[in-house]
Amino acid sequence: MLSIQGLEIDYLRAELKKMKEIHRIHEGVLVQSIYEWIMSNEGMGMGDAATTMEEAENIVKNWRIKCKNIK
């Protein structure tokens, strides 16, 4: 039989796992939005799609690093 504290810990672990998944999805949406903005506003063609996606991913990666350093 699990204690109340054990149940609370299990619940919090499950909630943390859900929040991490939601955060991952939100970052993907951010990458996609940046990619679309670059493609439409910089006059990029389909040949530039891969490098533009990499650049969008790098922008989000750098943003994530900067957010972690804010205290």
PDB file of N, CA and C in Angstrom:
ATOM      1  N   MET A   1       0.839  -1.173   0.000  1.00  0.00           N
ATOM      2  CA  MET A   1       0.000   0.000   0.000  1.00  0.00           C
ATOM      3  C   MET A   1       0.889   1.243   0.000  1.00  0.00           C
ATOM      4  N   LEU A   2       0.585   2.154  -0.902  1.00  0.00           N
ATOM      5  CA  LEU A   2       1.360   3.378  -1.006  1.00  0.00           C
ATOM      6  C   LEU A   2       0.883   4.403   0.010  1.00  0.00           C
ATOM      7  N   SER A   3       1.834   5.161   0.485  1.00  0.00           N
ATOM      8  CA  SER A   3       1.470   6.232   1.417  1.00  0.00           C
ATOM      9  C   SER A   3       0.955   7.431   0.628  1.00  0.00           C
ATOM     10  N   ILE A   4       0.375   8.366   1.335  1.00  0.00           N
ATOM     11  CA  ILE A   4      -0.100   9.605   0.704  1.00  0.00           C
ATOM     12  C   ILE A   4       1.078  10.320   0.055  1.00  0.00           C
ATOM     13  N   GLN A   5       2.205  10.355   0.746  1.00  0.00           N
ATOM     14  CA  GLN A   5       3.387  11.020   0.207  1.00  0.00           C
ATOM     15  C   GLN A   5       3.851  10.333  -1.081  1.00  0.00           C
ATOM     16  N   GLY A   6       3.818   9.009  -1.103  1.00  0.00           N
ATOM     17  CA  GLY A   6       4.197   8.264  -2.305  1.00  0.00           C
ATOM     18  C   GLY A   6       3.264   8.560  -3.465  1.00  0.00           C
ATOM     19  N   LEU A   7       1.970   8.660  -3.201  1.00  0.00           N
ATOM     20  CA  LEU A   7       0.995   8.991  -4.236  1.00  0.00           C
ATOM     21  C   LEU A   7       1.212  10.409  -4.755  1.00  0.00           C
ATOM     22  N   GLU A   8       1.522  11.330  -3.838  1.00  0.00           N
ATOM     23  CA  GLU A   8       1.786  12.712  -4.246  1.00  0.00           C
ATOM     24  C   GLU A   8       3.016  12.784  -5.153  1.00  0.00           C
ATOM     25  N   ILE A   9       4.053  12.062  -4.796  1.00  0.00           N
ATOM     26  CA  ILE A   9       5.277  12.044  -5.603  1.00  0.00           C
ATOM     27  C   ILE A   9       4.994  11.461  -6.981  1.00  0.00           C
ATOM     28  N   ASP A  10       4.242  10.376  -7.040  1.00  0.00           N
ATOM     29  CA  ASP A  10       3.880   9.773  -8.323  1.00  0.00           C
ATOM     30  C   ASP A  10       3.079  10.755  -9.182  1.00  0.00           C
ATOM     31  N   TYR A  11       2.133  11.446  -8.542  1.00  0.00           N
ATOM     32  CA  TYR A  11       1.322  12.434  -9.253  1.00  0.00           C
ATOM     33  C   TYR A  11       2.193  13.555  -9.801  1.00  0.00           C
ATOM     34  N   LEU A  12       3.102  14.079  -8.974  1.00  0.00           N
ATOM     35  CA  LEU A  12       3.973  15.169  -9.404  1.00  0.00           C
ATOM     36  C   LEU A  12       4.911  14.723 -10.522  1.00  0.00           C
ATOM     37  N   ARG A  13       5.394  13.505 -10.468  1.00  0.00           N
ATOM     38  CA  ARG A  13       6.230  12.984 -11.557  1.00  0.00           C
ATOM     39  C   ARG A  13       5.445  12.912 -12.861  1.00  0.00           C
ATOM     40  N   ALA A  14       4.211  12.451 -12.781  1.00  0.00           N
ATOM     41  CA  ALA A  14       3.373  12.364 -13.973  1.00  0.00           C
ATOM     42  C   ALA A  14       3.083  13.755 -14.537  1.00  0.00           C
ATOM     43  N   GLU A  15       2.811  14.711 -13.665  1.00  0.00           N
ATOM     44  CA  GLU A  15       2.554  16.086 -14.113  1.00  0.00           C
ATOM     45  C   GLU A  15       3.797  16.706 -14.733  1.00  0.00           C
ATOM     46  N   LEU A  16       4.952  16.445 -14.154  1.00  0.00           N
ATOM     47  CA  LEU A  16       6.208  16.956 -14.704  1.00  0.00           C
ATOM     48  C   LEU A  16       6.472  16.371 -16.084  1.00  0.00           C
ATOM     49  N   LYS A  17       6.190  15.092 -16.233  1.00  0.00           N
ATOM     50  CA  LYS A  17       6.366  14.442 -17.534  1.00  0.00           C
ATOM     51  C   LYS A  17       5.445  15.076 -18.578  1.00  0.00           C
ATOM     52  N   LYS A  18       4.193  15.351 -18.193  1.00  0.00           N
ATOM     53  CA  LYS A  18       3.252  16.000 -19.115  1.00  0.00           C
ATOM     54  C   LYS A  18       3.724  17.394 -19.489  1.00  0.00           C
ATOM     55  N   MET A  19       4.210  18.142 -18.513  1.00  0.00           N
ATOM     56  CA  MET A  19       4.675  19.508 -18.773  1.00  0.00           C
ATOM     57  C   MET A  19       5.900  19.516 -19.681  1.00  0.00           C
ATOM     58  N   LYS A  20       6.787  18.560 -19.504  1.00  0.00           N
ATOM     59  CA  LYS A  20       7.958  18.468 -20.381  1.00  0.00           C
ATOM     60  C   LYS A  20       7.529  18.191 -21.818  1.00  0.00           C
ATOM     61  N   GLU A  21       6.534  17.341 -22.004  1.00  0.00           N
ATOM     62  CA  GLU A  21       6.026  17.033 -23.342  1.00  0.00           C
ATOM     63  C   GLU A  21       5.364  18.263 -23.963  1.00  0.00           C
ATOM     64  N   ILE A  22       4.578  18.973 -23.175  1.00  0.00           N
ATOM     65  CA  ILE A  22       3.936  20.195 -23.667  1.00  0.00           C
ATOM     66  C   ILE A  22       4.994  21.225 -24.044  1.00  0.00           C
ATOM     67  N   HIS A  23       6.028  21.358 -23.234  1.00  0.00           N
ATOM     68  CA  HIS A  23       7.115  22.296 -23.515  1.00  0.00           C
ATOM     69  C   HIS A  23       7.821  21.926 -24.821  1.00  0.00           C
ATOM     70  N   ARG A  24       8.058  20.637 -25.035  1.00  0.00           N
ATOM     71  CA  ARG A  24       8.697  20.174 -26.267  1.00  0.00           C
ATOM     72  C   ARG A  24       7.834  20.519 -27.479  1.00  0.00           C
ATOM     73  N   ILE A  25       6.538  20.333 -27.362  1.00  0.00           N
ATOM     74  CA  ILE A  25       5.618  20.663 -28.452  1.00  0.00           C
ATOM     75  C   ILE A  25       5.630  22.167 -28.717  1.00  0.00           C
ATOM     76  N   HIS A  26       5.612  22.973 -27.662  1.00  0.00           N
ATOM     77  CA  HIS A  26       5.630  24.429 -27.823  1.00  0.00           C
ATOM     78  C   HIS A  26       6.909  24.890 -28.509  1.00  0.00           C
ATOM     79  N   GLU A  27       8.041  24.288 -28.158  1.00  0.00           N
ATOM     80  CA  GLU A  27       9.290  24.651 -28.829  1.00  0.00           C
ATOM     81  C   GLU A  27       9.237  24.279 -30.303  1.00  0.00           C
ATOM     82  N   GLY A  28       8.616  23.165 -30.634  1.00  0.00           N
ATOM     83  CA  GLY A  28       8.450  22.774 -32.032  1.00  0.00           C
ATOM     84  C   GLY A  28       7.601  23.773 -32.799  1.00  0.00           C
ATOM     85  N   VAL A  29       6.550  24.265 -32.159  1.00  0.00           N
ATOM     86  CA  VAL A  29       5.696  25.278 -32.780  1.00  0.00           C
ATOM     87  C   VAL A  29       6.491  26.564 -32.990  1.00  0.00           C
ATOM     88  N   LEU A  30       7.310  26.923 -32.022  1.00  0.00           N
ATOM     89  CA  LEU A  30       8.143  28.117 -32.145  1.00  0.00           C
ATOM     90  C   LEU A  30       9.133  27.980 -33.296  1.00  0.00           C
ATOM     91  N   VAL A  31       9.781  26.827 -33.406  1.00  0.00           N
ATOM     92  CA  VAL A  31      10.711  26.579 -34.513  1.00  0.00           C
ATOM     93  C   VAL A  31       9.982  26.705 -35.848  1.00  0.00           C
ATOM     94  N   GLN A  32       8.817  26.104 -35.951  1.00  0.00           N
ATOM     95  CA  GLN A  32       8.048  26.154 -37.191  1.00  0.00           C
ATOM     96  C   GLN A  32       7.640  27.579 -37.544  1.00  0.00           C
ATOM     97  N   SER A  33       7.245  28.355 -36.544  1.00  0.00           N
ATOM     98  CA  SER A  33       6.852  29.742 -36.787  1.00  0.00           C
ATOM     99  C   SER A  33       8.034  30.581 -37.259  1.00  0.00           C
ATOM    100  N   ILE A  34       9.181  30.397 -36.651  1.00  0.00           N
ATOM    101  CA  ILE A  34      10.385  31.126 -37.069  1.00  0.00           C
ATOM    102  C   ILE A  34      10.767  30.723 -38.480  1.00  0.00           C
ATOM    103  N   TYR A  35      10.716  29.428 -38.761  1.00  0.00           N
ATOM    104  CA  TYR A  35      11.034  28.913 -40.102  1.00  0.00           C
ATOM    105  C   TYR A  35      10.124  29.559 -41.150  1.00  0.00           C
ATOM    106  N   GLU A  36       8.829  29.560 -40.883  1.00  0.00           N
ATOM    107  CA  GLU A  36       7.876  30.134 -41.840  1.00  0.00           C
ATOM    108  C   GLU A  36       8.111  31.629 -42.031  1.00  0.00           C
ATOM    109  N   TRP A  37       8.432  32.328 -40.945  1.00  0.00           N
ATOM    110  CA  TRP A  37       8.685  33.755 -41.051  1.00  0.00           C
ATOM    111  C   TRP A  37       9.917  34.021 -41.914  1.00  0.00           C
ATOM    112  N   ILE A  38      10.993  33.280 -41.656  1.00  0.00           N
ATOM    113  CA  ILE A  38      12.217  33.461 -42.443  1.00  0.00           C
ATOM    114  C   ILE A  38      11.943  33.156 -43.912  1.00  0.00           C
ATOM    115  N   MET A  39      11.278  32.050 -44.188  1.00  0.00           N
ATOM    116  CA  MET A  39      11.010  31.650 -45.568  1.00  0.00           C
ATOM    117  C   MET A  39      10.177  32.705 -46.295  1.00  0.00           C
ATOM    118  N   SER A  40       9.187  33.279 -45.635  1.00  0.00           N
ATOM    119  CA  SER A  40       8.305  34.223 -46.320  1.00  0.00           C
ATOM    120  C   SER A  40       8.881  35.635 -46.395  1.00  0.00           C
ATOM    121  N   ASN A  41       9.650  36.039 -45.412  1.00  0.00           N
ATOM    122  CA  ASN A  41      10.133  37.413 -45.370  1.00  0.00           C
ATOM    123  C   ASN A  41      11.530  37.616 -45.946  1.00  0.00           C
ATOM    124  N   GLU A  42      12.253  36.572 -46.123  1.00  0.00           N
ATOM    125  CA  GLU A  42      13.608  36.695 -46.658  1.00  0.00           C
ATOM    126  C   GLU A  42      13.695  36.236 -48.110  1.00  0.00           C
ATOM    127  N   GLY A  43      12.571  35.913 -48.710  1.00  0.00           N
ATOM    128  CA  GLY A  43      12.552  35.508 -50.110  1.00  0.00           C
ATOM    129  C   GLY A  43      13.286  34.200 -50.367  1.00  0.00           C
ATOM    130  N   MET A  44      13.189  33.292 -49.439  1.00  0.00           N
ATOM    131  CA  MET A  44      13.876  31.999 -49.573  1.00  0.00           C
ATOM    132  C   MET A  44      13.077  31.079 -50.488  1.00  0.00           C
ATOM    133  N   GLY A  45      13.798  30.220 -51.204  1.00  0.00           N
ATOM    134  CA  GLY A  45      13.162  29.220 -52.051  1.00  0.00           C
ATOM    135  C   GLY A  45      13.227  27.859 -51.402  1.00  0.00           C
ATOM    136  N   MET A  46      12.676  26.867 -52.063  1.00  0.00           N
ATOM    137  CA  MET A  46      12.658  25.505 -51.513  1.00  0.00           C
ATOM    138  C   MET A  46      14.070  24.947 -51.319  1.00  0.00           C
ATOM    139  N   GLY A  47      15.020  25.424 -52.121  1.00  0.00           N
ATOM    140  CA  GLY A  47      16.400  24.973 -51.963  1.00  0.00           C
ATOM    141  C   GLY A  47      17.023  25.428 -50.659  1.00  0.00           C
ATOM    142  N   ASP A  48      16.448  26.446 -50.051  1.00  0.00           N
ATOM    143  CA  ASP A  48      16.955  26.978 -48.790  1.00  0.00           C
ATOM    144  C   ASP A  48      16.232  26.403 -47.575  1.00  0.00           C
ATOM    145  N   ALA A  49      15.282  25.526 -47.786  1.00  0.00           N
ATOM    146  CA  ALA A  49      14.421  25.045 -46.703  1.00  0.00           C
ATOM    147  C   ALA A  49      15.200  24.346 -45.592  1.00  0.00           C
ATOM    148  N   ALA A  50      16.138  23.480 -45.941  1.00  0.00           N
ATOM    149  CA  ALA A  50      16.867  22.720 -44.921  1.00  0.00           C
ATOM    150  C   ALA A  50      17.729  23.639 -44.060  1.00  0.00           C
ATOM    151  N   THR A  51      18.454  24.547 -44.702  1.00  0.00           N
ATOM    152  CA  THR A  51      19.306  25.446 -43.924  1.00  0.00           C
ATOM    153  C   THR A  51      18.471  26.427 -43.106  1.00  0.00           C
ATOM    154  N   THR A  52      17.321  26.811 -43.634  1.00  0.00           N
ATOM    155  CA  THR A  52      16.432  27.707 -42.891  1.00  0.00           C
ATOM    156  C   THR A  52      15.871  27.003 -41.661  1.00  0.00           C
ATOM    157  N   MET A  53      15.498  25.736 -41.784  1.00  0.00           N
ATOM    158  CA  MET A  53      14.998  24.971 -40.634  1.00  0.00           C
ATOM    159  C   MET A  53      16.099  24.829 -39.589  1.00  0.00           C
ATOM    160  N   GLU A  54      17.328  24.560 -40.018  1.00  0.00           N
ATOM    161  CA  GLU A  54      18.444  24.460 -39.075  1.00  0.00           C
ATOM    162  C   GLU A  54      18.651  25.790 -38.354  1.00  0.00           C
ATOM    163  N   GLU A  55      18.544  26.879 -39.085  1.00  0.00           N
ATOM    164  CA  GLU A  55      18.707  28.199 -38.476  1.00  0.00           C
ATOM    165  C   GLU A  55      17.600  28.469 -37.460  1.00  0.00           C
ATOM    166  N   ALA A  56      16.376  28.111 -37.781  1.00  0.00           N
ATOM    167  CA  ALA A  56      15.260  28.280 -36.841  1.00  0.00           C
ATOM    168  C   ALA A  56      15.493  27.444 -35.578  1.00  0.00           C
ATOM    169  N   GLU A  57      15.974  26.216 -35.744  1.00  0.00           N
ATOM    170  CA  GLU A  57      16.278  25.359 -34.591  1.00  0.00           C
ATOM    171  C   GLU A  57      17.391  25.966 -33.749  1.00  0.00           C
ATOM    172  N   ASN A  58      18.402  26.541 -34.397  1.00  0.00           N
ATOM    173  CA  ASN A  58      19.498  27.175 -33.662  1.00  0.00           C
ATOM    174  C   ASN A  58      19.018  28.405 -32.896  1.00  0.00           C
ATOM    175  N   ILE A  59      18.119  29.172 -33.486  1.00  0.00           N
ATOM    176  CA  ILE A  59      17.566  30.341 -32.801  1.00  0.00           C
ATOM    177  C   ILE A  59      16.857  29.916 -31.521  1.00  0.00           C
ATOM    178  N   VAL A  60      16.037  28.864 -31.604  1.00  0.00           N
ATOM    179  CA  VAL A  60      15.307  28.381 -30.426  1.00  0.00           C
ATOM    180  C   VAL A  60      16.278  27.784 -29.414  1.00  0.00           C
ATOM    181  N   LYS A  61      17.279  27.071 -29.884  1.00  0.00           N
ATOM    182  CA  LYS A  61      18.290  26.490 -28.988  1.00  0.00           C
ATOM    183  C   LYS A  61      19.006  27.594 -28.215  1.00  0.00           C
ATOM    184  N   ASN A  62      19.422  28.664 -28.907  1.00  0.00           N
ATOM    185  CA  ASN A  62      20.093  29.778 -28.240  1.00  0.00           C
ATOM    186  C   ASN A  62      19.160  30.500 -27.282  1.00  0.00           C
ATOM    187  N   TRP A  63      17.889  30.630 -27.656  1.00  0.00           N
ATOM    188  CA  TRP A  63      16.889  31.241 -26.793  1.00  0.00           C
ATOM    189  C   TRP A  63      16.734  30.428 -25.503  1.00  0.00           C
ATOM    190  N   ARG A  64      16.688  29.107 -25.647  1.00  0.00           N
ATOM    191  CA  ARG A  64      16.552  28.220 -24.488  1.00  0.00           C
ATOM    192  C   ARG A  64      17.739  28.384 -23.543  1.00  0.00           C
ATOM    193  N   ILE A  65      18.957  28.487 -24.101  1.00  0.00           N
ATOM    194  CA  ILE A  65      20.156  28.660 -23.292  1.00  0.00           C
ATOM    195  C   ILE A  65      20.098  29.992 -22.544  1.00  0.00           C
ATOM    196  N   LYS A  66      19.692  31.048 -23.229  1.00  0.00           N
ATOM    197  CA  LYS A  66      19.584  32.357 -22.591  1.00  0.00           C
ATOM    198  C   LYS A  66      18.552  32.344 -21.478  1.00  0.00           C
ATOM    199  N   CYS A  67      17.438  31.645 -21.683  1.00  0.00           N
ATOM    200  CA  CYS A  67      16.403  31.573 -20.646  1.00  0.00           C
ATOM    201  C   CYS A  67      16.898  30.826 -19.408  1.00  0.00           C
ATOM    202  N   LYS A  68      17.722  29.801 -19.595  1.00  0.00           N
ATOM    203  CA  LYS A  68      18.250  29.053 -18.467  1.00  0.00           C
ATOM    204  C   LYS A  68      19.225  29.891 -17.650  1.00  0.00           C
ATOM    205  N   ASN A  69      19.886  30.847 -18.285  1.00  0.00           N
ATOM    206  CA  ASN A  69      20.875  31.667 -17.593  1.00  0.00           C
ATOM    207  C   ASN A  69      20.263  32.834 -16.850  1.00  0.00           C
ATOM    208  N   ILE A  70      18.967  33.077 -17.037  1.00  0.00           N
ATOM    209  CA  ILE A  70      18.284  34.170 -16.317  1.00  0.00           C
ATOM    210  C   ILE A  70      17.909  33.664 -14.930  1.00  0.00           C
ATOM    211  N   LYS A  71      18.324  34.407 -13.944  1.00  0.00           N
ATOM    212  CA  LYS A  71      17.990  34.003 -12.573  1.00  0.00           C
ATOM    213  C   LYS A  71      17.549  35.183 -11.775  1.00  0.00           C
TER     214      LYS A  71
END
